[in-house]
């Protein structure tokens, strides 16, 4: 469950969704972890944006 919360929170921060207020609680990530996750999401978005219509993106984790 911790990993799911961390991934969800990183995406929430990266995509500009609210991170404060009713129902959200504390961030499961510190500033360093958010920066690392945001950089990884930026790289992924950049790769995805270069995929042309009808092409496939293969990414091995």
PDB file of N, CA and C in Angstrom:
ATOM      1  N   UNK A   1       0.823  -1.186   0.000  1.00  0.00           N
ATOM      2  CA  UNK A   1       0.000   0.000   0.000  1.00  0.00           C
ATOM      3  C   UNK A   1       0.878   1.264   0.000  1.00  0.00           C
ATOM      4  N   UNK A   2       1.988   1.224   0.691  1.00  0.00           N
ATOM      5  CA  UNK A   2       2.877   2.399   0.742  1.00  0.00           C
ATOM      6  C   UNK A   2       3.339   2.782  -0.665  1.00  0.00           C
ATOM      7  N   UNK A   3       3.712   1.795  -1.457  1.00  0.00           N
ATOM      8  CA  UNK A   3       4.185   2.073  -2.815  1.00  0.00           C
ATOM      9  C   UNK A   3       3.080   2.703  -3.658  1.00  0.00           C
ATOM     10  N   UNK A   4       1.870   2.210  -3.531  1.00  0.00           N
ATOM     11  CA  UNK A   4       0.750   2.777  -4.284  1.00  0.00           C
ATOM     12  C   UNK A   4       0.508   4.229  -3.901  1.00  0.00           C
ATOM     13  N   UNK A   5       0.570   4.522  -2.612  1.00  0.00           N
ATOM     14  CA  UNK A   5       0.386   5.899  -2.154  1.00  0.00           C
ATOM     15  C   UNK A   5       1.500   6.806  -2.670  1.00  0.00           C
ATOM     16  N   UNK A   6       2.724   6.301  -2.666  1.00  0.00           N
ATOM     17  CA  UNK A   6       3.856   7.093  -3.136  1.00  0.00           C
ATOM     18  C   UNK A   6       3.727   7.403  -4.628  1.00  0.00           C
ATOM     19  N   UNK A   7       3.375   6.419  -5.417  1.00  0.00           N
ATOM     20  CA  UNK A   7       3.213   6.622  -6.856  1.00  0.00           C
ATOM     21  C   UNK A   7       2.079   7.600  -7.127  1.00  0.00           C
ATOM     22  N   UNK A   8       0.962   7.416  -6.450  1.00  0.00           N
ATOM     23  CA  UNK A   8      -0.184   8.302  -6.626  1.00  0.00           C
ATOM     24  C   UNK A   8       0.185   9.732  -6.244  1.00  0.00           C
ATOM     25  N   UNK A   9       0.908   9.894  -5.139  1.00  0.00           N
ATOM     26  CA  UNK A   9       1.276  11.233  -4.683  1.00  0.00           C
ATOM     27  C   UNK A   9       2.232  11.904  -5.665  1.00  0.00           C
ATOM     28  N   UNK A  10       3.211  11.152  -6.145  1.00  0.00           N
ATOM     29  CA  UNK A  10       4.158  11.707  -7.111  1.00  0.00           C
ATOM     30  C   UNK A  10       3.425  12.196  -8.356  1.00  0.00           C
ATOM     31  N   UNK A  11       2.504  11.400  -8.856  1.00  0.00           N
ATOM     32  CA  UNK A  11       1.744  11.806 -10.044  1.00  0.00           C
ATOM     33  C   UNK A  11       0.875  13.021  -9.732  1.00  0.00           C
ATOM     34  N   UNK A  12       0.294  13.049  -8.549  1.00  0.00           N
ATOM     35  CA  UNK A  12      -0.549  14.174  -8.131  1.00  0.00           C
ATOM     36  C   UNK A  12       0.251  15.472  -8.154  1.00  0.00           C
ATOM     37  N   UNK A  13       1.450  15.449  -7.581  1.00  0.00           N
ATOM     38  CA  UNK A  13       2.309  16.637  -7.558  1.00  0.00           C
ATOM     39  C   UNK A  13       2.707  17.015  -8.978  1.00  0.00           C
ATOM     40  N   UNK A  14       3.175  16.037  -9.741  1.00  0.00           N
ATOM     41  CA  UNK A  14       3.680  16.274 -11.092  1.00  0.00           C
ATOM     42  C   UNK A  14       2.603  16.842 -12.014  1.00  0.00           C
ATOM     43  N   UNK A  15       1.379  16.361 -11.876  1.00  0.00           N
ATOM     44  CA  UNK A  15       0.307  16.789 -12.777  1.00  0.00           C
ATOM     45  C   UNK A  15      -0.420  18.051 -12.310  1.00  0.00           C
ATOM     46  N   UNK A  16      -0.008  18.591 -11.159  1.00  0.00           N
ATOM     47  CA  UNK A  16      -0.594  19.843 -10.690  1.00  0.00           C
ATOM     48  C   UNK A  16      -1.903  19.706  -9.931  1.00  0.00           C
ATOM     49  N   UNK A  17      -2.238  18.493  -9.527  1.00  0.00           N
ATOM     50  CA  UNK A  17      -3.452  18.301  -8.734  1.00  0.00           C
ATOM     51  C   UNK A  17      -3.214  18.813  -7.321  1.00  0.00           C
ATOM     52  N   UNK A  18      -4.280  18.996  -6.593  1.00  0.00           N
ATOM     53  CA  UNK A  18      -4.142  19.528  -5.235  1.00  0.00           C
ATOM     54  C   UNK A  18      -3.427  18.520  -4.338  1.00  0.00           C
ATOM     55  N   UNK A  19      -2.638  19.045  -3.420  1.00  0.00           N
ATOM     56  CA  UNK A  19      -1.883  18.204  -2.490  1.00  0.00           C
ATOM     57  C   UNK A  19      -2.186  18.577  -1.038  1.00  0.00           C
ATOM     58  N   UNK A  20      -3.135  19.454  -0.848  1.00  0.00           N
ATOM     59  CA  UNK A  20      -3.533  19.852   0.492  1.00  0.00           C
ATOM     60  C   UNK A  20      -5.050  19.881   0.558  1.00  0.00           C
ATOM     61  N   UNK A  21      -5.542  19.725   1.767  1.00  0.00           N
ATOM     62  CA  UNK A  21      -6.975  19.848   1.967  1.00  0.00           C
ATOM     63  C   UNK A  21      -7.624  18.552   2.405  1.00  0.00           C
ATOM     64  N   UNK A  22      -8.901  18.602   2.479  1.00  0.00           N
ATOM     65  CA  UNK A  22      -9.718  17.510   2.990  1.00  0.00           C
ATOM     66  C   UNK A  22      -9.436  16.188   2.279  1.00  0.00           C
ATOM     67  N   UNK A  23      -9.170  15.174   3.077  1.00  0.00           N
ATOM     68  CA  UNK A  23      -9.022  13.826   2.564  1.00  0.00           C
ATOM     69  C   UNK A  23      -7.650  13.452   2.046  1.00  0.00           C
ATOM     70  N   UNK A  24      -6.683  14.372   2.067  1.00  0.00           N
ATOM     71  CA  UNK A  24      -5.386  14.049   1.479  1.00  0.00           C
ATOM     72  C   UNK A  24      -4.333  13.625   2.492  1.00  0.00           C
ATOM     73  N   UNK A  25      -4.331  14.171   3.662  1.00  0.00           N
ATOM     74  CA  UNK A  25      -3.322  13.791   4.651  1.00  0.00           C
ATOM     75  C   UNK A  25      -1.938  14.297   4.280  1.00  0.00           C
ATOM     76  N   UNK A  26      -0.935  13.714   4.944  1.00  0.00           N
ATOM     77  CA  UNK A  26       0.456  14.113   4.714  1.00  0.00           C
ATOM     78  C   UNK A  26       1.020  13.438   3.472  1.00  0.00           C
ATOM     79  N   UNK A  27       2.006  14.077   2.889  1.00  0.00           N
ATOM     80  CA  UNK A  27       2.706  13.489   1.750  1.00  0.00           C
ATOM     81  C   UNK A  27       3.506  12.277   2.215  1.00  0.00           C
ATOM     82  N   UNK A  28       3.421  11.150   1.502  1.00  0.00           N
ATOM     83  CA  UNK A  28       4.243   9.991   1.845  1.00  0.00           C
ATOM     84  C   UNK A  28       5.682  10.130   1.337  1.00  0.00           C
ATOM     85  N   UNK A  29       5.971  11.220   0.616  1.00  0.00           N
ATOM     86  CA  UNK A  29       7.287  11.436   0.022  1.00  0.00           C
ATOM     87  C   UNK A  29       7.926  12.708   0.567  1.00  0.00           C
ATOM     88  N   UNK A  30       9.246  12.692   0.691  1.00  0.00           N
ATOM     89  CA  UNK A  30       9.938  13.922   1.069  1.00  0.00           C
ATOM     90  C   UNK A  30      10.295  14.690  -0.217  1.00  0.00           C
ATOM     91  N   UNK A  31      10.845  15.875  -0.060  1.00  0.00           N
ATOM     92  CA  UNK A  31      11.144  16.724  -1.218  1.00  0.00           C
ATOM     93  C   UNK A  31      12.096  16.062  -2.211  1.00  0.00           C
ATOM     94  N   UNK A  32      13.085  15.331  -1.703  1.00  0.00           N
ATOM     95  CA  UNK A  32      14.035  14.648  -2.588  1.00  0.00           C
ATOM     96  C   UNK A  32      13.330  13.580  -3.425  1.00  0.00           C
ATOM     97  N   UNK A  33      12.463  12.809  -2.795  1.00  0.00           N
ATOM     98  CA  UNK A  33      11.735  11.758  -3.504  1.00  0.00           C
ATOM     99  C   UNK A  33      10.778  12.349  -4.534  1.00  0.00           C
ATOM    100  N   UNK A  34      10.150  13.450  -4.200  1.00  0.00           N
ATOM    101  CA  UNK A  34       9.250  14.113  -5.159  1.00  0.00           C
ATOM    102  C   UNK A  34      10.048  14.621  -6.356  1.00  0.00           C
ATOM    103  N   UNK A  35      11.217  15.186  -6.107  1.00  0.00           N
ATOM    104  CA  UNK A  35      12.054  15.672  -7.206  1.00  0.00           C
ATOM    105  C   UNK A  35      12.487  14.528  -8.114  1.00  0.00           C
ATOM    106  N   UNK A  36      12.899  13.399  -7.547  1.00  0.00           N
ATOM    107  CA  UNK A  36      13.297  12.236  -8.348  1.00  0.00           C
ATOM    108  C   UNK A  36      12.130  11.707  -9.179  1.00  0.00           C
ATOM    109  N   UNK A  37      10.973  11.585  -8.547  1.00  0.00           N
ATOM    110  CA  UNK A  37       9.793  11.073  -9.254  1.00  0.00           C
ATOM    111  C   UNK A  37       9.355  12.034 -10.353  1.00  0.00           C
ATOM    112  N   UNK A  38       9.391  13.326 -10.070  1.00  0.00           N
ATOM    113  CA  UNK A  38       8.987  14.317 -11.075  1.00  0.00           C
ATOM    114  C   UNK A  38       9.916  14.286 -12.280  1.00  0.00           C
ATOM    115  N   UNK A  39      11.210  14.143 -12.038  1.00  0.00           N
ATOM    116  CA  UNK A  39      12.168  14.058 -13.147  1.00  0.00           C
ATOM    117  C   UNK A  39      11.903  12.810 -13.992  1.00  0.00           C
ATOM    118  N   UNK A  40      11.610  11.696 -13.347  1.00  0.00           N
ATOM    119  CA  UNK A  40      11.311  10.459 -14.081  1.00  0.00           C
ATOM    120  C   UNK A  40      10.022  10.613 -14.891  1.00  0.00           C
ATOM    121  N   UNK A  41       9.016  11.255 -14.312  1.00  0.00           N
ATOM    122  CA  UNK A  41       7.769  11.478 -15.044  1.00  0.00           C
ATOM    123  C   UNK A  41       7.975  12.437 -16.212  1.00  0.00           C
ATOM    124  N   UNK A  42       8.821  13.441 -16.041  1.00  0.00           N
ATOM    125  CA  UNK A  42       9.151  14.344 -17.154  1.00  0.00           C
ATOM    126  C   UNK A  42       9.811  13.578 -18.300  1.00  0.00           C
ATOM    127  N   UNK A  43      10.756  12.701 -17.966  1.00  0.00           N
ATOM    128  CA  UNK A  43      11.428  11.905 -19.007  1.00  0.00           C
ATOM    129  C   UNK A  43      10.435  10.984 -19.716  1.00  0.00           C
ATOM    130  N   UNK A  44       9.554  10.373 -18.946  1.00  0.00           N
ATOM    131  CA  UNK A  44       8.550   9.481 -19.546  1.00  0.00           C
ATOM    132  C   UNK A  44       7.610  10.255 -20.456  1.00  0.00           C
ATOM    133  N   UNK A  45       7.176  11.413 -20.020  1.00  0.00           N
ATOM    134  CA  UNK A  45       6.274  12.232 -20.842  1.00  0.00           C
ATOM    135  C   UNK A  45       6.959  12.664 -22.133  1.00  0.00           C
ATOM    136  N   UNK A  46       8.237  12.995 -22.042  1.00  0.00           N
ATOM    137  CA  UNK A  46       8.993  13.383 -23.230  1.00  0.00           C
ATOM    138  C   UNK A  46       9.079  12.225 -24.224  1.00  0.00           C
ATOM    139  N   UNK A  47       9.383  11.046 -23.735  1.00  0.00           N
ATOM    140  CA  UNK A  47       9.447   9.868 -24.625  1.00  0.00           C
ATOM    141  C   UNK A  47       8.090   9.588 -25.242  1.00  0.00           C
ATOM    142  N   UNK A  48       7.054   9.671 -24.445  1.00  0.00           N
ATOM    143  CA  UNK A  48       5.704   9.381 -24.936  1.00  0.00           C
ATOM    144  C   UNK A  48       5.285  10.395 -25.994  1.00  0.00           C
ATOM    145  N   UNK A  49       5.681  11.654 -25.819  1.00  0.00           N
ATOM    146  CA  UNK A  49       5.286  12.698 -26.779  1.00  0.00           C
ATOM    147  C   UNK A  49       5.926  12.490 -28.148  1.00  0.00           C
ATOM    148  N   UNK A  50       7.031  11.748 -28.199  1.00  0.00           N
ATOM    149  CA  UNK A  50       7.706  11.495 -29.482  1.00  0.00           C
ATOM    150  C   UNK A  50       7.141  10.292 -30.235  1.00  0.00           C
ATOM    151  N   UNK A  51       6.198   9.576 -29.630  1.00  0.00           N
ATOM    152  CA  UNK A  51       5.604   8.420 -30.292  1.00  0.00           C
ATOM    153  C   UNK A  51       4.531   8.915 -31.261  1.00  0.00           C
ATOM    154  N   UNK A  52       4.713   8.601 -32.520  1.00  0.00           N
ATOM    155  CA  UNK A  52       3.759   9.027 -33.548  1.00  0.00           C
ATOM    156  C   UNK A  52       2.491   8.174 -33.494  1.00  0.00           C
ATOM    157  N   UNK A  53       1.441   8.705 -34.051  1.00  0.00           N
ATOM    158  CA  UNK A  53       0.171   7.984 -34.147  1.00  0.00           C
ATOM    159  C   UNK A  53       0.402   6.629 -34.808  1.00  0.00           C
ATOM    160  N   UNK A  54      -0.064   5.568 -34.185  1.00  0.00           N
ATOM    161  CA  UNK A  54       0.075   4.226 -34.717  1.00  0.00           C
ATOM    162  C   UNK A  54       1.361   3.515 -34.312  1.00  0.00           C
ATOM    163  N   UNK A  55       2.308   4.225 -33.699  1.00  0.00           N
ATOM    164  CA  UNK A  55       3.545   3.606 -33.226  1.00  0.00           C
ATOM    165  C   UNK A  55       3.348   3.080 -31.811  1.00  0.00           C
ATOM    166  N   UNK A  56       4.319   2.333 -31.343  1.00  0.00           N
ATOM    167  CA  UNK A  56       4.271   1.751 -30.002  1.00  0.00           C
ATOM    168  C   UNK A  56       5.516   2.158 -29.227  1.00  0.00           C
ATOM    169  N   UNK A  57       5.335   2.433 -27.958  1.00  0.00           N
ATOM    170  CA  UNK A  57       6.464   2.733 -27.086  1.00  0.00           C
ATOM    171  C   UNK A  57       6.763   1.486 -26.272  1.00  0.00           C
ATOM    172  N   UNK A  58       7.982   0.964 -26.395  1.00  0.00           N
ATOM    173  CA  UNK A  58       8.418  -0.173 -25.586  1.00  0.00           C
ATOM    174  C   UNK A  58       9.401   0.343 -24.560  1.00  0.00           C
ATOM    175  N   UNK A  59       9.104   0.089 -23.310  1.00  0.00           N
ATOM    176  CA  UNK A  59       9.969   0.584 -22.237  1.00  0.00           C
ATOM    177  C   UNK A  59      10.171  -0.532 -21.249  1.00  0.00           C
ATOM    178  N   UNK A  60      11.391  -0.931 -21.065  1.00  0.00           N
ATOM    179  CA  UNK A  60      11.694  -1.997 -20.100  1.00  0.00           C
ATOM    180  C   UNK A  60      12.127  -1.366 -18.796  1.00  0.00           C
ATOM    181  N   UNK A  61      11.475  -1.772 -17.736  1.00  0.00           N
ATOM    182  CA  UNK A  61      11.786  -1.247 -16.403  1.00  0.00           C
ATOM    183  C   UNK A  61      12.845  -2.104 -15.830  1.00  0.00           C
TER     184      UNK A  61
END
